[in-house]
C-alpha cells in the first residue's frame, strides 16, 4: 500500500483538476476550446498514473533510458506548444483590437461630421 500512495494522491489530484476544468466550462468561466488541451493532458496523465507500464513501454520504444527523462521531454514539448498557441491567439487578438479601434475612430469621425 505504501508504494501506491503517490499514485493514489496523483490520481485524486488529476480527477479533482478534471472536475474543476469541466465545472469552469459549465459555469462559462472558460471556453471549451481553450480547456480542451488541458483536459487531454489530464486524461493522459491519469492513464499513465493508473498504468505506469505504458510509460516504460514508450520509453523502450523511443530509446529513452529513464521514465523521468521522458516526462520532462513531454512536459517541455507541451509547454512549447502551449506557448506557441497562446502567441498565435495573442496575435489574433492584437489584430482584432487594432481593427476595432480603427472602426471606432472612423465611426466617431463620421458621427462628428454628420452633427455639423
Protein backbone atom coordinates (compact mmCIF):
# COMPACT_ATOMS: atom_id res chain seq x y z
CA UNK A 1 0.00 0.00 0.00
CA UNK A 2 2.85 2.36 0.85
CA UNK A 3 4.29 2.13 -2.66
CA UNK A 4 0.97 3.14 -4.25
CA UNK A 5 0.45 6.21 -2.05
CA UNK A 6 1.90 8.68 -4.57
CA UNK A 7 -0.12 7.11 -7.40
CA UNK A 8 -3.34 7.43 -5.41
CA UNK A 9 -2.60 11.03 -4.42
CA UNK A 10 -1.77 11.94 -8.02
CA UNK A 11 -4.92 10.22 -9.32
CA UNK A 12 -7.07 12.12 -6.83
CA UNK A 13 -5.41 15.42 -7.80
CA UNK A 14 -5.88 14.72 -11.51
CA UNK A 15 -9.55 13.83 -11.05
CA UNK A 16 -10.02 17.00 -8.97
CA UNK A 17 -8.33 19.07 -11.70
CA UNK A 18 -10.57 17.49 -14.33
CA UNK A 19 -13.61 18.29 -12.19
CA UNK A 20 -12.53 21.94 -11.79
CA UNK A 21 -11.87 22.29 -15.53
CA UNK A 22 -15.24 20.87 -16.51
CA UNK A 23 -17.00 22.94 -13.86
CA UNK A 24 -15.33 26.10 -15.17
CA UNK A 25 -16.55 25.29 -18.66
CA UNK A 26 -20.09 24.63 -17.45
CA UNK A 27 -20.14 27.90 -15.47
CA UNK A 28 -18.93 29.72 -18.61
CA UNK A 29 -15.74 30.90 -16.89
CA UNK A 30 -13.60 29.23 -19.55
CA UNK A 31 -14.28 28.28 -23.15
CA UNK A 32 -14.04 24.63 -24.12
CA UNK A 33 -11.62 25.32 -26.98
CA UNK A 34 -9.07 26.68 -24.51
CA UNK A 35 -9.64 23.98 -21.90
CA UNK A 36 -9.65 21.02 -24.27
CA UNK A 37 -5.86 20.70 -24.36
CA UNK A 38 -5.73 20.71 -20.56
CA UNK A 39 -8.41 18.01 -20.41
CA UNK A 40 -6.48 15.84 -22.87
CA UNK A 41 -3.25 16.25 -20.88
CA UNK A 42 -5.12 15.45 -17.67
CA UNK A 43 -6.55 12.24 -19.17
CA UNK A 44 -3.14 11.17 -20.48
CA UNK A 45 -1.52 11.76 -17.10
CA UNK A 46 -4.32 9.87 -15.38
CA UNK A 47 -3.86 6.88 -17.71
CA UNK A 48 -0.09 6.90 -17.17
CA UNK A 49 -0.65 7.17 -13.41
CA UNK A 50 -3.04 4.21 -13.39
CA UNK A 51 -0.95 2.13 -15.82
CA UNK A 52 2.75 3.05 -15.34
CA UNK A 53 3.85 0.19 -17.61
CA UNK A 54 2.67 2.28 -20.58
CA UNK A 55 5.34 4.87 -19.78
CA UNK A 56 8.01 2.18 -19.50
CA UNK A 57 6.94 0.70 -22.84
CA UNK A 58 7.04 4.10 -24.54
CA UNK A 59 10.50 4.78 -23.10
CA UNK A 60 11.80 1.49 -24.51
CA UNK A 61 10.25 2.20 -27.91
CA UNK A 62 11.81 5.66 -28.09
CA UNK A 63 15.17 4.61 -26.65
CA UNK A 64 14.88 6.77 -23.53
CA UNK A 65 16.54 5.18 -20.51
CA UNK A 66 14.64 6.81 -17.65
CA UNK A 67 10.91 7.42 -17.42
CA UNK A 68 11.55 10.74 -15.67
CA UNK A 69 13.52 11.94 -18.71
CA UNK A 70 10.54 11.12 -20.91
CA UNK A 71 8.18 13.00 -18.60
CA UNK A 72 10.45 16.06 -18.74
CA UNK A 73 10.72 15.81 -22.53
CA UNK A 74 6.95 15.60 -22.96
CA UNK A 75 6.43 18.44 -20.46
CA UNK A 76 8.87 20.68 -22.34
CA UNK A 77 7.19 19.89 -25.66
CA UNK A 78 3.72 20.57 -24.21
CA UNK A 79 4.85 23.87 -22.69
CA UNK A 80 6.37 24.88 -26.02
CA UNK A 81 3.13 24.06 -27.86
CA UNK A 82 1.09 25.89 -25.24
CA UNK A 83 3.29 28.99 -25.55
CA UNK A 84 3.02 28.80 -29.34
CA UNK A 85 -0.77 28.53 -29.27
CA UNK A 86 -1.02 31.46 -26.85
CA UNK A 87 1.27 33.52 -29.08
CA UNK A 88 -0.97 32.80 -32.07
CA UNK A 89 -4.08 33.69 -30.07
CA UNK A 90 -2.48 36.88 -28.78
CA UNK A 91 -1.51 37.91 -32.31
CA UNK A 92 -5.09 37.43 -33.49
CA UNK A 93 -6.43 39.44 -30.56
CA UNK A 94 -3.98 42.29 -31.19
CA UNK A 95 -5.03 42.42 -34.85
CA UNK A 96 -8.70 42.32 -33.88
CA UNK A 97 -8.17 45.07 -31.30
CA UNK A 98 -6.41 47.23 -33.88
CA UNK A 99 -9.26 46.76 -36.38
CA UNK A 100 -11.89 47.59 -33.76
CA UNK A 101 -10.01 50.72 -32.71
CA UNK A 102 -9.81 51.89 -36.31
CA UNK A 103 -13.51 51.21 -36.87
CA UNK A 104 -14.43 53.16 -33.73
CA UNK A 105 -12.26 56.07 -34.85
CA UNK A 106 -13.96 56.09 -38.26
CA UNK A 107 -17.43 55.93 -36.69
CA UNK A 108 -16.57 58.79 -34.33
CA UNK A 109 -15.32 60.87 -37.25
CA UNK A 110 -18.44 60.05 -39.25
CA UNK A 111 -20.68 60.94 -36.29
CA UNK A 112 -18.81 64.17 -35.76
CA UNK A 113 -19.14 65.07 -39.46
CA UNK A 114 -22.89 64.36 -39.51
CA UNK A 115 -23.58 66.51 -36.45
CA UNK A 116 -22.00 69.58 -38.06
